[in-house]
Full PDB file with SEQRES, HELIX, SHEET, SSBOND, CRYST1, ORIGX, SCALE, CONECT and MASTER records, all heavy atoms in Angstrom:
SEQRES   1 A   29  ARG LEU ILE SER GLY GLY ARG VAL ILE LEU GLU ASP ALA          
SEQRES   2 A   29  VAL GLU ILE GLY ALA LEU CYS THR ILE ASP LYS GLY VAL          
SEQRES   3 A   29  THR GLY ASP                                                  
CRYST1    1.000    1.000    1.000  90.00  90.00  90.00 P 1           1          
ORIGX1      1.000000  0.000000  0.000000        0.00000                         
ORIGX2      0.000000  1.000000  0.000000        0.00000                         
ORIGX3      0.000000  0.000000  1.000000        0.00000                         
SCALE1      1.000000  0.000000  0.000000        0.00000                         
SCALE2      0.000000  1.000000  0.000000        0.00000                         
SCALE3      0.000000  0.000000  1.000000        0.00000                         
ATOM      1  N   ARG A   1      11.165  -9.048  12.262  1.00  0.00           N  
ATOM      2  CA  ARG A   1      10.373  -8.493  11.162  1.00  0.00           C  
ATOM      3  C   ARG A   1      11.229  -8.379   9.840  1.00  0.00           C  
ATOM      4  O   ARG A   1      12.406  -7.995   9.911  1.00  0.00           O  
ATOM      5  CB  ARG A   1       9.809  -7.069  11.419  1.00  0.00           C  
ATOM      6  CG  ARG A   1       9.090  -6.462  10.294  1.00  0.00           C  
ATOM      7  CD  ARG A   1       8.646  -5.066  10.514  1.00  0.00           C  
ATOM      8  NE  ARG A   1       7.731  -4.909  11.565  1.00  0.00           N  
ATOM      9  CZ  ARG A   1       6.368  -4.888  11.398  1.00  0.00           C  
ATOM     10  NH1 ARG A   1       5.917  -5.159  10.209  1.00  0.00           N  
ATOM     11  NH2 ARG A   1       5.546  -4.847  12.364  1.00  0.00           N  
ATOM     12  N   LEU A   2      10.680  -8.715   8.735  1.00  0.00           N  
ATOM     13  CA  LEU A   2      11.323  -8.459   7.437  1.00  0.00           C  
ATOM     14  C   LEU A   2      10.972  -7.037   7.069  1.00  0.00           C  
ATOM     15  O   LEU A   2       9.804  -6.744   6.950  1.00  0.00           O  
ATOM     16  CB  LEU A   2      10.848  -9.385   6.362  1.00  0.00           C  
ATOM     17  CG  LEU A   2      11.545  -9.347   4.985  1.00  0.00           C  
ATOM     18  CD1 LEU A   2      13.003  -9.624   5.149  1.00  0.00           C  
ATOM     19  CD2 LEU A   2      10.838 -10.171   3.916  1.00  0.00           C  
ATOM     20  N   ILE A   3      11.979  -6.179   6.898  1.00  0.00           N  
ATOM     21  CA  ILE A   3      11.741  -4.717   6.722  1.00  0.00           C  
ATOM     22  C   ILE A   3      11.216  -4.488   5.266  1.00  0.00           C  
ATOM     23  O   ILE A   3      11.678  -5.121   4.342  1.00  0.00           O  
ATOM     24  CB  ILE A   3      13.048  -3.975   6.941  1.00  0.00           C  
ATOM     25  CG1 ILE A   3      13.498  -4.253   8.372  1.00  0.00           C  
ATOM     26  CG2 ILE A   3      12.818  -2.558   6.622  1.00  0.00           C  
ATOM     27  CD1 ILE A   3      14.937  -3.674   8.658  1.00  0.00           C  
ATOM     28  N   SER A   4      10.197  -3.642   5.227  1.00  0.00           N  
ATOM     29  CA  SER A   4       9.520  -3.396   4.018  1.00  0.00           C  
ATOM     30  C   SER A   4      10.156  -2.201   3.225  1.00  0.00           C  
ATOM     31  O   SER A   4      10.359  -1.150   3.888  1.00  0.00           O  
ATOM     32  CB  SER A   4       8.075  -3.100   4.146  1.00  0.00           C  
ATOM     33  OG  SER A   4       7.501  -4.238   4.669  1.00  0.00           O  
ATOM     34  N   GLY A   5      10.551  -2.349   1.950  1.00  0.00           N  
ATOM     35  CA  GLY A   5      11.057  -1.230   1.220  1.00  0.00           C  
ATOM     36  C   GLY A   5      10.310  -0.932  -0.024  1.00  0.00           C  
ATOM     37  O   GLY A   5      10.840  -0.168  -0.869  1.00  0.00           O  
ATOM     38  N   GLY A   6       9.153  -1.439  -0.133  1.00  0.00           N  
ATOM     39  CA  GLY A   6       8.265  -1.212  -1.277  1.00  0.00           C  
ATOM     40  C   GLY A   6       7.377  -0.072  -1.201  1.00  0.00           C  
ATOM     41  O   GLY A   6       7.548   0.903  -0.413  1.00  0.00           O  
ATOM     42  N   ARG A   7       6.301  -0.079  -2.045  1.00  0.00           N  
ATOM     43  CA  ARG A   7       5.367   1.125  -2.149  1.00  0.00           C  
ATOM     44  C   ARG A   7       3.951   0.681  -2.138  1.00  0.00           C  
ATOM     45  O   ARG A   7       3.653  -0.533  -2.301  1.00  0.00           O  
ATOM     46  CB  ARG A   7       5.618   1.882  -3.402  1.00  0.00           C  
ATOM     47  CG  ARG A   7       7.109   2.305  -3.612  1.00  0.00           C  
ATOM     48  CD  ARG A   7       7.206   3.048  -4.978  1.00  0.00           C  
ATOM     49  NE  ARG A   7       6.906   2.231  -6.099  1.00  0.00           N  
ATOM     50  CZ  ARG A   7       6.939   2.629  -7.334  1.00  0.00           C  
ATOM     51  NH1 ARG A   7       7.270   3.879  -7.651  1.00  0.00           N  
ATOM     52  NH2 ARG A   7       6.525   1.834  -8.391  1.00  0.00           N  
ATOM     53  N   VAL A   8       3.061   1.666  -1.988  1.00  0.00           N  
ATOM     54  CA  VAL A   8       1.621   1.517  -2.312  1.00  0.00           C  
ATOM     55  C   VAL A   8       1.382   2.347  -3.543  1.00  0.00           C  
ATOM     56  O   VAL A   8       1.659   3.541  -3.529  1.00  0.00           O  
ATOM     57  CB  VAL A   8       0.760   1.867  -1.095  1.00  0.00           C  
ATOM     58  CG1 VAL A   8      -0.735   1.971  -1.517  1.00  0.00           C  
ATOM     59  CG2 VAL A   8       0.859   0.850   0.075  1.00  0.00           C  
ATOM     60  N   ILE A   9       0.530   1.798  -4.492  1.00  0.00           N  
ATOM     61  CA  ILE A   9       0.187   2.474  -5.665  1.00  0.00           C  
ATOM     62  C   ILE A   9      -1.396   2.435  -5.816  1.00  0.00           C  
ATOM     63  O   ILE A   9      -1.984   1.382  -5.813  1.00  0.00           O  
ATOM     64  CB  ILE A   9       0.810   2.001  -6.957  1.00  0.00           C  
ATOM     65  CG1 ILE A   9       2.386   2.204  -6.893  1.00  0.00           C  
ATOM     66  CG2 ILE A   9       0.188   2.728  -8.177  1.00  0.00           C  
ATOM     67  CD1 ILE A   9       3.046   1.558  -8.036  1.00  0.00           C  
ATOM     68  N   LEU A  10      -2.030   3.627  -5.810  1.00  0.00           N  
ATOM     69  CA  LEU A  10      -3.421   3.755  -6.052  1.00  0.00           C  
ATOM     70  C   LEU A  10      -3.588   4.409  -7.405  1.00  0.00           C  
ATOM     71  O   LEU A  10      -3.118   5.528  -7.643  1.00  0.00           O  
ATOM     72  CB  LEU A  10      -4.174   4.587  -5.010  1.00  0.00           C  
ATOM     73  CG  LEU A  10      -4.022   4.243  -3.513  1.00  0.00           C  
ATOM     74  CD1 LEU A  10      -4.882   5.123  -2.747  1.00  0.00           C  
ATOM     75  CD2 LEU A  10      -4.273   2.750  -3.297  1.00  0.00           C  
ATOM     76  N   GLU A  11      -4.191   3.720  -8.308  1.00  0.00           N  
ATOM     77  CA  GLU A  11      -4.460   4.322  -9.692  1.00  0.00           C  
ATOM     78  C   GLU A  11      -5.685   5.221  -9.705  1.00  0.00           C  
ATOM     79  O   GLU A  11      -6.299   5.469  -8.681  1.00  0.00           O  
ATOM     80  CB  GLU A  11      -4.599   3.161 -10.702  1.00  0.00           C  
ATOM     81  CG  GLU A  11      -3.272   2.395 -10.844  1.00  0.00           C  
ATOM     82  CD  GLU A  11      -3.441   1.263 -11.945  1.00  0.00           C  
ATOM     83  OE1 GLU A  11      -4.494   1.155 -12.617  1.00  0.00           O  
ATOM     84  OE2 GLU A  11      -2.403   0.682 -12.219  1.00  0.00           O  
ATOM     85  N   ASP A  12      -5.927   5.853 -10.795  1.00  0.00           N  
ATOM     86  CA  ASP A  12      -6.942   6.888 -10.945  1.00  0.00           C  
ATOM     87  C   ASP A  12      -8.353   6.294 -10.498  1.00  0.00           C  
ATOM     88  O   ASP A  12      -8.729   5.183 -10.642  1.00  0.00           O  
ATOM     89  CB  ASP A  12      -7.066   7.238 -12.360  1.00  0.00           C  
ATOM     90  CG  ASP A  12      -5.895   8.025 -12.933  1.00  0.00           C  
ATOM     91  OD1 ASP A  12      -5.011   8.290 -12.158  1.00  0.00           O  
ATOM     92  OD2 ASP A  12      -5.805   8.190 -14.147  1.00  0.00           O  
ATOM     93  N   ALA A  13      -9.088   7.227  -9.897  1.00  0.00           N  
ATOM     94  CA  ALA A  13     -10.483   6.998  -9.488  1.00  0.00           C  
ATOM     95  C   ALA A  13     -10.799   5.897  -8.485  1.00  0.00           C  
ATOM     96  O   ALA A  13     -11.842   5.331  -8.365  1.00  0.00           O  
ATOM     97  CB  ALA A  13     -11.338   6.761 -10.768  1.00  0.00           C  
ATOM     98  N   VAL A  14      -9.681   5.598  -7.733  1.00  0.00           N  
ATOM     99  CA  VAL A  14      -9.831   4.633  -6.605  1.00  0.00           C  
ATOM    100  C   VAL A  14     -10.374   5.381  -5.450  1.00  0.00           C  
ATOM    101  O   VAL A  14     -10.072   6.549  -5.177  1.00  0.00           O  
ATOM    102  CB  VAL A  14      -8.414   4.056  -6.223  1.00  0.00           C  
ATOM    103  CG1 VAL A  14      -8.419   3.383  -4.839  1.00  0.00           C  
ATOM    104  CG2 VAL A  14      -8.022   3.135  -7.343  1.00  0.00           C  
ATOM    105  N   GLU A  15     -11.245   4.723  -4.642  1.00  0.00           N  
ATOM    106  CA  GLU A  15     -11.830   5.270  -3.431  1.00  0.00           C  
ATOM    107  C   GLU A  15     -11.573   4.301  -2.259  1.00  0.00           C  
ATOM    108  O   GLU A  15     -11.917   3.153  -2.402  1.00  0.00           O  
ATOM    109  CB  GLU A  15     -13.356   5.690  -3.597  1.00  0.00           C  
ATOM    110  CG  GLU A  15     -13.609   6.663  -4.580  1.00  0.00           C  
ATOM    111  CD  GLU A  15     -15.123   7.009  -4.702  1.00  0.00           C  
ATOM    112  OE1 GLU A  15     -15.891   6.639  -3.820  1.00  0.00           O  
ATOM    113  OE2 GLU A  15     -15.485   7.677  -5.642  1.00  0.00           O  
ATOM    114  N   ILE A  16     -11.039   4.880  -1.173  1.00  0.00           N  
ATOM    115  CA  ILE A  16     -10.737   4.143  -0.015  1.00  0.00           C  
ATOM    116  C   ILE A  16     -11.507   4.605   1.097  1.00  0.00           C  
ATOM    117  O   ILE A  16     -11.511   5.789   1.452  1.00  0.00           O  
ATOM    118  CB  ILE A  16      -9.224   4.152   0.307  1.00  0.00           C  
ATOM    119  CG1 ILE A  16      -8.325   3.797  -0.898  1.00  0.00           C  
ATOM    120  CG2 ILE A  16      -8.849   3.223   1.486  1.00  0.00           C  
ATOM    121  CD1 ILE A  16      -8.383   2.372  -1.364  1.00  0.00           C  
ATOM    122  N   GLY A  17     -12.148   3.764   1.855  1.00  0.00           N  
ATOM    123  CA  GLY A  17     -13.097   4.079   3.061  1.00  0.00           C  
ATOM    124  C   GLY A  17     -12.251   4.486   4.215  1.00  0.00           C  
ATOM    125  O   GLY A  17     -11.049   4.586   4.236  1.00  0.00           O  
ATOM    126  N   ALA A  18     -12.983   4.718   5.317  1.00  0.00           N  
ATOM    127  CA  ALA A  18     -12.359   5.112   6.579  1.00  0.00           C  
ATOM    128  C   ALA A  18     -11.687   3.906   7.277  1.00  0.00           C  
ATOM    129  O   ALA A  18     -12.139   2.769   7.222  1.00  0.00           O  
ATOM    130  CB  ALA A  18     -13.370   5.783   7.489  1.00  0.00           C  
ATOM    131  N   LEU A  19     -10.550   4.179   7.982  1.00  0.00           N  
ATOM    132  CA  LEU A  19      -9.904   3.275   8.832  1.00  0.00           C  
ATOM    133  C   LEU A  19      -9.418   1.952   8.152  1.00  0.00           C  
ATOM    134  O   LEU A  19      -9.416   0.880   8.585  1.00  0.00           O  
ATOM    135  CB  LEU A  19     -10.836   2.846  10.004  1.00  0.00           C  
ATOM    136  CG  LEU A  19     -11.209   3.996  10.926  1.00  0.00           C  
ATOM    137  CD1 LEU A  19     -12.248   3.482  11.929  1.00  0.00           C  
ATOM    138  CD2 LEU A  19     -10.132   4.594  11.654  1.00  0.00           C  
ATOM    139  N   CYS A  20      -9.099   2.156   6.864  1.00  0.00           N  
ATOM    140  CA  CYS A  20      -8.446   1.062   6.068  1.00  0.00           C  
ATOM    141  C   CYS A  20      -6.945   1.100   6.279  1.00  0.00           C  
ATOM    142  O   CYS A  20      -6.366   2.128   6.589  1.00  0.00           O  
ATOM    143  CB  CYS A  20      -8.832   1.253   4.654  1.00  0.00           C  
ATOM    144  SG  CYS A  20     -10.512   1.042   4.201  1.00  0.00           S  
ATOM    145  N   THR A  21      -6.306  -0.150   6.120  1.00  0.00           N  
ATOM    146  CA  THR A  21      -4.913  -0.260   6.204  1.00  0.00           C  
ATOM    147  C   THR A  21      -4.364  -0.989   5.001  1.00  0.00           C  
ATOM    148  O   THR A  21      -4.814  -2.043   4.760  1.00  0.00           O  
ATOM    149  CB  THR A  21      -4.455  -0.941   7.469  1.00  0.00           C  
ATOM    150  OG1 THR A  21      -5.234  -2.184   7.601  1.00  0.00           O  
ATOM    151  CG2 THR A  21      -4.722  -0.156   8.720  1.00  0.00           C  
ATOM    152  N   ILE A  22      -3.393  -0.326   4.334  1.00  0.00           N  
ATOM    153  CA  ILE A  22      -2.895  -0.974   3.053  1.00  0.00           C  
ATOM    154  C   ILE A  22      -1.393  -1.087   3.289  1.00  0.00           C  
ATOM    155  O   ILE A  22      -0.723  -0.011   3.239  1.00  0.00           O  
ATOM    156  CB  ILE A  22      -3.270  -0.060   1.908  1.00  0.00           C  
ATOM    157  CG1 ILE A  22      -4.824  -0.016   1.768  1.00  0.00           C  
ATOM    158  CG2 ILE A  22      -2.811  -0.738   0.589  1.00  0.00           C  
ATOM    159  CD1 ILE A  22      -5.348   0.851   0.635  1.00  0.00           C  
ATOM    160  N   ASP A  23      -0.821  -2.250   3.390  1.00  0.00           N  
ATOM    161  CA  ASP A  23       0.560  -2.394   3.622  1.00  0.00           C  
ATOM    162  C   ASP A  23       1.369  -2.251   2.293  1.00  0.00           C  
ATOM    163  O   ASP A  23       0.908  -2.601   1.240  1.00  0.00           O  
ATOM    164  CB  ASP A  23       0.891  -3.819   4.131  1.00  0.00           C  
ATOM    165  CG  ASP A  23       0.359  -3.962   5.561  1.00  0.00           C  
ATOM    166  OD1 ASP A  23      -0.029  -2.987   6.224  1.00  0.00           O  
ATOM    167  OD2 ASP A  23       0.292  -5.183   5.986  1.00  0.00           O  
ATOM    168  N   LYS A  24       2.538  -1.674   2.386  1.00  0.00           N  
ATOM    169  CA  LYS A  24       3.390  -1.577   1.184  1.00  0.00           C  
ATOM    170  C   LYS A  24       3.976  -2.867   0.964  1.00  0.00           C  
ATOM    171  O   LYS A  24       4.075  -3.798   1.674  1.00  0.00           O  
ATOM    172  CB  LYS A  24       4.510  -0.487   1.368  1.00  0.00           C  
ATOM    173  CG  LYS A  24       5.420  -0.686   2.631  1.00  0.00           C  
ATOM    174  CD  LYS A  24       6.238   0.405   2.902  1.00  0.00           C  
ATOM    175  CE  LYS A  24       7.113   0.284   4.120  1.00  0.00           C  
ATOM    176  NZ  LYS A  24       7.921   1.502   4.409  1.00  0.00           N  
ATOM    177  N   GLY A  25       4.559  -3.018  -0.320  1.00  0.00           N  
ATOM    178  CA  GLY A  25       5.264  -4.205  -0.709  1.00  0.00           C  
ATOM    179  C   GLY A  25       6.523  -4.364   0.053  1.00  0.00           C  
ATOM    180  O   GLY A  25       7.145  -3.371   0.537  1.00  0.00           O  
ATOM    181  N   VAL A  26       6.980  -5.613   0.253  1.00  0.00           N  
ATOM    182  CA  VAL A  26       8.213  -5.808   0.927  1.00  0.00           C  
ATOM    183  C   VAL A  26       9.358  -5.227   0.164  1.00  0.00           C  
ATOM    184  O   VAL A  26      10.223  -4.462   0.571  1.00  0.00           O  
ATOM    185  CB  VAL A  26       8.434  -7.350   1.225  1.00  0.00           C  
ATOM    186  CG1 VAL A  26       9.831  -7.655   1.701  1.00  0.00           C  
ATOM    187  CG2 VAL A  26       7.476  -7.860   2.196  1.00  0.00           C  
ATOM    188  N   THR A  27       9.309  -5.555  -1.227  1.00  0.00           N  
ATOM    189  CA  THR A  27      10.362  -4.936  -2.076  1.00  0.00           C  
ATOM    190  C   THR A  27       9.685  -4.384  -3.294  1.00  0.00           C  
ATOM    191  O   THR A  27      10.268  -3.573  -4.033  1.00  0.00           O  
ATOM    192  CB  THR A  27      11.345  -5.985  -2.496  1.00  0.00           C  
ATOM    193  OG1 THR A  27      10.795  -7.154  -2.969  1.00  0.00           O  
ATOM    194  CG2 THR A  27      12.327  -6.323  -1.335  1.00  0.00           C  
ATOM    195  N   GLY A  28       8.469  -4.794  -3.600  1.00  0.00           N  
ATOM    196  CA  GLY A  28       7.749  -4.368  -4.782  1.00  0.00           C  
ATOM    197  C   GLY A  28       6.541  -3.428  -4.331  1.00  0.00           C  
ATOM    198  O   GLY A  28       6.675  -2.681  -3.419  1.00  0.00           O  
ATOM    199  N   ASP A  29       5.479  -3.575  -5.111  1.00  0.00           N  
ATOM    200  CA  ASP A  29       4.327  -2.622  -4.892  1.00  0.00           C  
ATOM    201  C   ASP A  29       3.094  -3.388  -4.593  1.00  0.00           C  
ATOM    202  O   ASP A  29       2.721  -4.358  -5.083  1.00  0.00           O  
ATOM    203  CB  ASP A  29       4.016  -1.879  -6.244  1.00  0.00           C  
ATOM    204  CG  ASP A  29       5.184  -1.045  -6.690  1.00  0.00           C  
ATOM    205  OD1 ASP A  29       5.920  -0.551  -5.775  1.00  0.00           O  
ATOM    206  OD2 ASP A  29       5.447  -0.864  -7.848  1.00  0.00           O  
TER     207      ASP A  29                                                      
MASTER        0    0    0    0    0    0    0    6  206    1    0    3          
END                                                                             
């Protein structure tokens, strides 16, 4: 595996449903 060192960014008024998966960036966002 290439190890991930990035982030997840959700901006204002975003809505995420149930059982979603959002991977972080490898080095970015």
